[in-house]
Every structure is written in C-alpha cells, then in structure tokens.
Amino acid sequence: MPRAIYPSDITQDQFEIIRPQLESFKKTTKPRQLELYDIFCAVLYVLKSSCQWRMLPSDFPKWGT
C-alpha cells in the first residue's frame, strides 16, 4: 500500500537529483530494505512539523529506522 502524500514531501524527480549524494555515504553493509525516498521524506516531515521521531505517522518507516 503506498503511503500518504504530505506537504513536506519532495517529488521523486527532485529526490533523484540528491540520491547520488545520499548513496555515496553508504558503507558496505547488508542491502537496504527500505526505500531511501521514504526515509528522506520522513526526515523532511520531522523538520517541517517539529514532531518527535516517535510521533511519525504510521505510513512512514518505523521511527527506530
């Protein structure tokens, strides 16, 4: 099920511009199980709404991620 769209989200096209920079920081680890776009949008949601990590809407990845 796709997650809801929030005012803090950026478009996939905008995200593709910064994706290479975010992925360049990745060390050799196990394969990513969550979509990087969803995690980035969760960070933007927290920054825009000033909510706590544990108060993220349930359609974002779990707060412990």
PDB file of N, CA and C in Angstrom:
ATOM      1  N   MET A   1       0.845  -1.175   0.000  1.00  0.00           N
ATOM      2  CA  MET A   1       0.000   0.000   0.000  1.00  0.00           C
ATOM      3  C   MET A   1       0.892   1.241   0.000  1.00  0.00           C
ATOM      4  N   PRO A   2       0.699   2.149  -0.947  1.00  0.00           N
ATOM      5  CA  PRO A   2       1.518   3.366  -0.971  1.00  0.00           C
ATOM      6  C   PRO A   2       1.191   4.268   0.216  1.00  0.00           C
ATOM      7  N   ARG A   3       2.181   5.004   0.643  1.00  0.00           N
ATOM      8  CA  ARG A   3       1.955   5.879   1.796  1.00  0.00           C
ATOM      9  C   ARG A   3       1.279   7.166   1.355  1.00  0.00           C
ATOM     10  N   ALA A   4       0.740   7.871   2.325  1.00  0.00           N
ATOM     11  CA  ALA A   4       0.071   9.147   2.049  1.00  0.00           C
ATOM     12  C   ALA A   4       1.096  10.181   1.588  1.00  0.00           C
ATOM     13  N   ILE A   5       0.612  11.201   0.922  1.00  0.00           N
ATOM     14  CA  ILE A   5       1.476  12.295   0.487  1.00  0.00           C
ATOM     15  C   ILE A   5       1.313  13.436   1.492  1.00  0.00           C
ATOM     16  N   TYR A   6       2.452  13.965   1.938  1.00  0.00           N
ATOM     17  CA  TYR A   6       2.449  15.036   2.932  1.00  0.00           C
ATOM     18  C   TYR A   6       3.014  16.308   2.319  1.00  0.00           C
ATOM     19  N   PRO A   7       2.639  17.482   2.856  1.00  0.00           N
ATOM     20  CA  PRO A   7       3.144  18.746   2.317  1.00  0.00           C
ATOM     21  C   PRO A   7       4.675  18.853   2.370  1.00  0.00           C
ATOM     22  N   SER A   8       5.305  18.128   3.256  1.00  0.00           N
ATOM     23  CA  SER A   8       6.755  18.199   3.386  1.00  0.00           C
ATOM     24  C   SER A   8       7.490  17.344   2.348  1.00  0.00           C
ATOM     25  N   ASP A   9       6.768  16.474   1.635  1.00  0.00           N
ATOM     26  CA  ASP A   9       7.398  15.589   0.646  1.00  0.00           C
ATOM     27  C   ASP A   9       7.966  16.373  -0.525  1.00  0.00           C
ATOM     28  N   ILE A  10       9.016  15.824  -1.110  1.00  0.00           N
ATOM     29  CA  ILE A  10       9.516  16.334  -2.378  1.00  0.00           C
ATOM     30  C   ILE A  10       9.130  15.321  -3.452  1.00  0.00           C
ATOM     31  N   THR A  11       9.228  15.713  -4.692  1.00  0.00           N
ATOM     32  CA  THR A  11       8.863  14.792  -5.769  1.00  0.00           C
ATOM     33  C   THR A  11       9.986  13.781  -5.991  1.00  0.00           C
ATOM     34  N   GLN A  12       9.647  12.689  -6.664  1.00  0.00           N
ATOM     35  CA  GLN A  12      10.660  11.686  -6.997  1.00  0.00           C
ATOM     36  C   GLN A  12      11.739  12.302  -7.887  1.00  0.00           C
ATOM     37  N   ASP A  13      11.345  13.180  -8.806  1.00  0.00           N
ATOM     38  CA  ASP A  13      12.323  13.827  -9.686  1.00  0.00           C
ATOM     39  C   ASP A  13      13.307  14.682  -8.885  1.00  0.00           C
ATOM     40  N   GLN A  14      12.796  15.418  -7.906  1.00  0.00           N
ATOM     41  CA  GLN A  14      13.677  16.216  -7.056  1.00  0.00           C
ATOM     42  C   GLN A  14      14.606  15.316  -6.252  1.00  0.00           C
ATOM     43  N   PHE A  15      14.066  14.203  -5.786  1.00  0.00           N
ATOM     44  CA  PHE A  15      14.875  13.289  -4.986  1.00  0.00           C
ATOM     45  C   PHE A  15      15.983  12.652  -5.821  1.00  0.00           C
ATOM     46  N   GLU A  16      15.712  12.371  -7.078  1.00  0.00           N
ATOM     47  CA  GLU A  16      16.724  11.750  -7.942  1.00  0.00           C
ATOM     48  C   GLU A  16      17.943  12.638  -8.116  1.00  0.00           C
ATOM     49  N   ILE A  17      17.785  13.937  -7.934  1.00  0.00           N
ATOM     50  CA  ILE A  17      18.919  14.855  -8.019  1.00  0.00           C
ATOM     51  C   ILE A  17      19.870  14.656  -6.836  1.00  0.00           C
ATOM     52  N   ILE A  18      19.321  14.420  -5.655  1.00  0.00           N
ATOM     53  CA  ILE A  18      20.172  14.274  -4.470  1.00  0.00           C
ATOM     54  C   ILE A  18      20.485  12.825  -4.107  1.00  0.00           C
ATOM     55  N   ARG A  19      19.807  11.868  -4.733  1.00  0.00           N
ATOM     56  CA  ARG A  19      20.034  10.453  -4.422  1.00  0.00           C
ATOM     57  C   ARG A  19      21.511  10.052  -4.510  1.00  0.00           C
ATOM     58  N   PRO A  20      22.233  10.423  -5.574  1.00  0.00           N
ATOM     59  CA  PRO A  20      23.649  10.008  -5.647  1.00  0.00           C
ATOM     60  C   PRO A  20      24.473  10.488  -4.457  1.00  0.00           C
ATOM     61  N   GLN A  21      24.178  11.685  -3.969  1.00  0.00           N
ATOM     62  CA  GLN A  21      24.921  12.187  -2.814  1.00  0.00           C
ATOM     63  C   GLN A  21      24.599  11.381  -1.561  1.00  0.00           C
ATOM     64  N   LEU A  22      23.340  11.039  -1.367  1.00  0.00           N
ATOM     65  CA  LEU A  22      22.959  10.250  -0.197  1.00  0.00           C
ATOM     66  C   LEU A  22      23.534   8.841  -0.266  1.00  0.00           C
ATOM     67  N   GLU A  23      23.513   8.250  -1.437  1.00  0.00           N
ATOM     68  CA  GLU A  23      24.020   6.883  -1.566  1.00  0.00           C
ATOM     69  C   GLU A  23      25.536   6.815  -1.519  1.00  0.00           C
ATOM     70  N   SER A  24      26.231   7.919  -1.774  1.00  0.00           N
ATOM     71  CA  SER A  24      27.689   7.900  -1.727  1.00  0.00           C
ATOM     72  C   SER A  24      28.202   7.739  -0.300  1.00  0.00           C
ATOM     73  N   PHE A  25      27.360   8.014   0.695  1.00  0.00           N
ATOM     74  CA  PHE A  25      27.753   7.878   2.092  1.00  0.00           C
ATOM     75  C   PHE A  25      27.597   6.449   2.601  1.00  0.00           C
ATOM     76  N   LYS A  26      26.951   5.605   1.822  1.00  0.00           N
ATOM     77  CA  LYS A  26      26.680   4.238   2.261  1.00  0.00           C
ATOM     78  C   LYS A  26      27.967   3.430   2.323  1.00  0.00           C
ATOM     79  N   LYS A  27      28.177   2.802   3.449  1.00  0.00           N
ATOM     80  CA  LYS A  27      29.308   1.904   3.598  1.00  0.00           C
ATOM     81  C   LYS A  27      28.887   0.520   3.116  1.00  0.00           C
ATOM     82  N   THR A  28      29.808  -0.374   3.031  1.00  0.00           N
ATOM     83  CA  THR A  28      29.483  -1.729   2.617  1.00  0.00           C
ATOM     84  C   THR A  28      28.733  -2.419   3.753  1.00  0.00           C
ATOM     85  N   THR A  29      27.450  -2.555   3.576  1.00  0.00           N
ATOM     86  CA  THR A  29      26.596  -3.182   4.581  1.00  0.00           C
ATOM     87  C   THR A  29      25.619  -4.097   3.862  1.00  0.00           C
ATOM     88  N   LYS A  30      24.726  -4.668   4.634  1.00  0.00           N
ATOM     89  CA  LYS A  30      23.712  -5.508   4.003  1.00  0.00           C
ATOM     90  C   LYS A  30      22.812  -4.650   3.115  1.00  0.00           C
ATOM     91  N   PRO A  31      22.151  -5.245   2.150  1.00  0.00           N
ATOM     92  CA  PRO A  31      21.308  -4.471   1.234  1.00  0.00           C
ATOM     93  C   PRO A  31      20.204  -3.704   1.977  1.00  0.00           C
ATOM     94  N   ARG A  32      19.906  -2.535   1.467  1.00  0.00           N
ATOM     95  CA  ARG A  32      18.873  -1.684   2.074  1.00  0.00           C
ATOM     96  C   ARG A  32      17.509  -2.343   1.900  1.00  0.00           C
ATOM     97  N   GLN A  33      16.712  -2.385   2.959  1.00  0.00           N
ATOM     98  CA  GLN A  33      15.392  -2.994   2.906  1.00  0.00           C
ATOM     99  C   GLN A  33      14.281  -1.955   2.792  1.00  0.00           C
ATOM    100  N   LEU A  34      14.606  -0.715   3.058  1.00  0.00           N
ATOM    101  CA  LEU A  34      13.620   0.355   2.988  1.00  0.00           C
ATOM    102  C   LEU A  34      13.983   1.300   1.857  1.00  0.00           C
ATOM    103  N   GLU A  35      12.980   1.933   1.305  1.00  0.00           N
ATOM    104  CA  GLU A  35      13.208   2.880   0.226  1.00  0.00           C
ATOM    105  C   GLU A  35      13.806   4.170   0.799  1.00  0.00           C
ATOM    106  N   LEU A  36      14.927   4.581   0.256  1.00  0.00           N
ATOM    107  CA  LEU A  36      15.623   5.776   0.726  1.00  0.00           C
ATOM    108  C   LEU A  36      14.737   7.018   0.606  1.00  0.00           C
ATOM    109  N   TYR A  37      13.915   7.076  -0.412  1.00  0.00           N
ATOM    110  CA  TYR A  37      12.995   8.203  -0.602  1.00  0.00           C
ATOM    111  C   TYR A  37      12.057   8.354   0.594  1.00  0.00           C
ATOM    112  N   ASP A  38      11.501   7.233   1.077  1.00  0.00           N
ATOM    113  CA  ASP A  38      10.577   7.284   2.215  1.00  0.00           C
ATOM    114  C   ASP A  38      11.281   7.757   3.484  1.00  0.00           C
ATOM    115  N   ILE A  39      12.507   7.329   3.680  1.00  0.00           N
ATOM    116  CA  ILE A  39      13.262   7.750   4.860  1.00  0.00           C
ATOM    117  C   ILE A  39      13.562   9.247   4.778  1.00  0.00           C
ATOM    118  N   PHE A  40      13.963   9.699   3.598  1.00  0.00           N
ATOM    119  CA  PHE A  40      14.263  11.123   3.413  1.00  0.00           C
ATOM    120  C   PHE A  40      13.010  11.971   3.637  1.00  0.00           C
ATOM    121  N   CYS A  41      11.889  11.524   3.124  1.00  0.00           N
ATOM    122  CA  CYS A  41      10.636  12.269   3.329  1.00  0.00           C
ATOM    123  C   CYS A  41      10.234  12.272   4.801  1.00  0.00           C
ATOM    124  N   ALA A  42      10.547  11.215   5.527  1.00  0.00           N
ATOM    125  CA  ALA A  42      10.270  11.187   6.967  1.00  0.00           C
ATOM    126  C   ALA A  42      11.110  12.236   7.688  1.00  0.00           C
ATOM    127  N   VAL A  43      12.367  12.378   7.290  1.00  0.00           N
ATOM    128  CA  VAL A  43      13.227  13.408   7.876  1.00  0.00           C
ATOM    129  C   VAL A  43      12.648  14.795   7.579  1.00  0.00           C
ATOM    130  N   LEU A  44      12.222  15.009   6.347  1.00  0.00           N
ATOM    131  CA  LEU A  44      11.621  16.295   5.998  1.00  0.00           C
ATOM    132  C   LEU A  44      10.350  16.556   6.799  1.00  0.00           C
ATOM    133  N   TYR A  45       9.566  15.512   7.032  1.00  0.00           N
ATOM    134  CA  TYR A  45       8.331  15.644   7.811  1.00  0.00           C
ATOM    135  C   TYR A  45       8.653  16.109   9.234  1.00  0.00           C
ATOM    136  N   VAL A  46       9.653  15.493   9.834  1.00  0.00           N
ATOM    137  CA  VAL A  46      10.042  15.862  11.198  1.00  0.00           C
ATOM    138  C   VAL A  46      10.545  17.304  11.231  1.00  0.00           C
ATOM    139  N   LEU A  47      11.348  17.679  10.245  1.00  0.00           N
ATOM    140  CA  LEU A  47      11.867  19.047  10.208  1.00  0.00           C
ATOM    141  C   LEU A  47      10.756  20.081  10.025  1.00  0.00           C
ATOM    142  N   LYS A  48       9.810  19.788   9.161  1.00  0.00           N
ATOM    143  CA  LYS A  48       8.737  20.747   8.869  1.00  0.00           C
ATOM    144  C   LYS A  48       7.713  20.824  10.009  1.00  0.00           C
ATOM    145  N   SER A  49       7.359  19.675  10.592  1.00  0.00           N
ATOM    146  CA  SER A  49       6.307  19.660  11.604  1.00  0.00           C
ATOM    147  C   SER A  49       6.831  19.827  13.029  1.00  0.00           C
ATOM    148  N   SER A  50       8.135  19.678  13.201  1.00  0.00           N
ATOM    149  CA  SER A  50       8.754  19.747  14.537  1.00  0.00           C
ATOM    150  C   SER A  50       8.221  18.675  15.478  1.00  0.00           C
ATOM    151  N   CYS A  51       7.770  17.555  14.923  1.00  0.00           N
ATOM    152  CA  CYS A  51       7.293  16.475  15.782  1.00  0.00           C
ATOM    153  C   CYS A  51       8.483  15.616  16.225  1.00  0.00           C
ATOM    154  N   GLN A  52       8.247  14.766  17.178  1.00  0.00           N
ATOM    155  CA  GLN A  52       9.279  13.836  17.628  1.00  0.00           C
ATOM    156  C   GLN A  52       9.311  12.638  16.693  1.00  0.00           C
ATOM    157  N   TRP A  53      10.465  11.960  16.637  1.00  0.00           N
ATOM    158  CA  TRP A  53      10.603  10.791  15.768  1.00  0.00           C
ATOM    159  C   TRP A  53       9.532   9.749  16.059  1.00  0.00           C
ATOM    160  N   ARG A  54       9.240   9.553  17.318  1.00  0.00           N
ATOM    161  CA  ARG A  54       8.270   8.520  17.697  1.00  0.00           C
ATOM    162  C   ARG A  54       6.844   8.894  17.307  1.00  0.00           C
ATOM    163  N   MET A  55       6.635  10.124  16.908  1.00  0.00           N
ATOM    164  CA  MET A  55       5.298  10.579  16.532  1.00  0.00           C
ATOM    165  C   MET A  55       5.099  10.616  15.022  1.00  0.00           C
ATOM    166  N   LEU A  56       6.005  10.003  14.265  1.00  0.00           N
ATOM    167  CA  LEU A  56       5.825   9.944  12.813  1.00  0.00           C
ATOM    168  C   LEU A  56       4.549   9.184  12.476  1.00  0.00           C
ATOM    169  N   PRO A  57       3.841   9.592  11.440  1.00  0.00           N
ATOM    170  CA  PRO A  57       2.670   8.829  11.009  1.00  0.00           C
ATOM    171  C   PRO A  57       3.074   7.388  10.685  1.00  0.00           C
ATOM    172  N   SER A  58       2.165   6.476  10.869  1.00  0.00           N
ATOM    173  CA  SER A  58       2.477   5.057  10.742  1.00  0.00           C
ATOM    174  C   SER A  58       2.792   4.615   9.312  1.00  0.00           C
ATOM    175  N   ASP A  59       2.509   5.437   8.321  1.00  0.00           N
ATOM    176  CA  ASP A  59       2.820   5.014   6.968  1.00  0.00           C
ATOM    177  C   ASP A  59       4.269   5.319   6.554  1.00  0.00           C
ATOM    178  N   PHE A  60       5.010   6.043   7.416  1.00  0.00           N
ATOM    179  CA  PHE A  60       6.455   6.183   7.206  1.00  0.00           C
ATOM    180  C   PHE A  60       7.135   4.942   7.778  1.00  0.00           C
ATOM    181  N   PRO A  61       8.409   4.720   7.420  1.00  0.00           N
ATOM    182  CA  PRO A  61       9.128   3.606   8.066  1.00  0.00           C
ATOM    183  C   PRO A  61       9.134   3.803   9.584  1.00  0.00           C
ATOM    184  N   LYS A  62       9.288   2.733  10.334  1.00  0.00           N
ATOM    185  CA  LYS A  62       9.255   2.815  11.790  1.00  0.00           C
ATOM    186  C   LYS A  62      10.279   3.820  12.299  1.00  0.00           C
ATOM    187  N   TRP A  63       9.936   4.487  13.377  1.00  0.00           N
ATOM    188  CA  TRP A  63      10.774   5.566  13.900  1.00  0.00           C
ATOM    189  C   TRP A  63      12.178   5.085  14.269  1.00  0.00           C
ATOM    190  N   GLY A  64      12.326   3.835  14.644  1.00  0.00           N
ATOM    191  CA  GLY A  64      13.640   3.310  15.036  1.00  0.00           C
ATOM    192  C   GLY A  64      14.596   3.141  13.866  1.00  0.00           C
ATOM    193  N   THR A  65      14.079   3.252  12.656  1.00  0.00           N
ATOM    194  CA  THR A  65      14.907   3.095  11.474  1.00  0.00           C
ATOM    195  C   THR A  65      15.892   4.224  11.379  1.00  0.00           C
TER     196      THR A  65
END
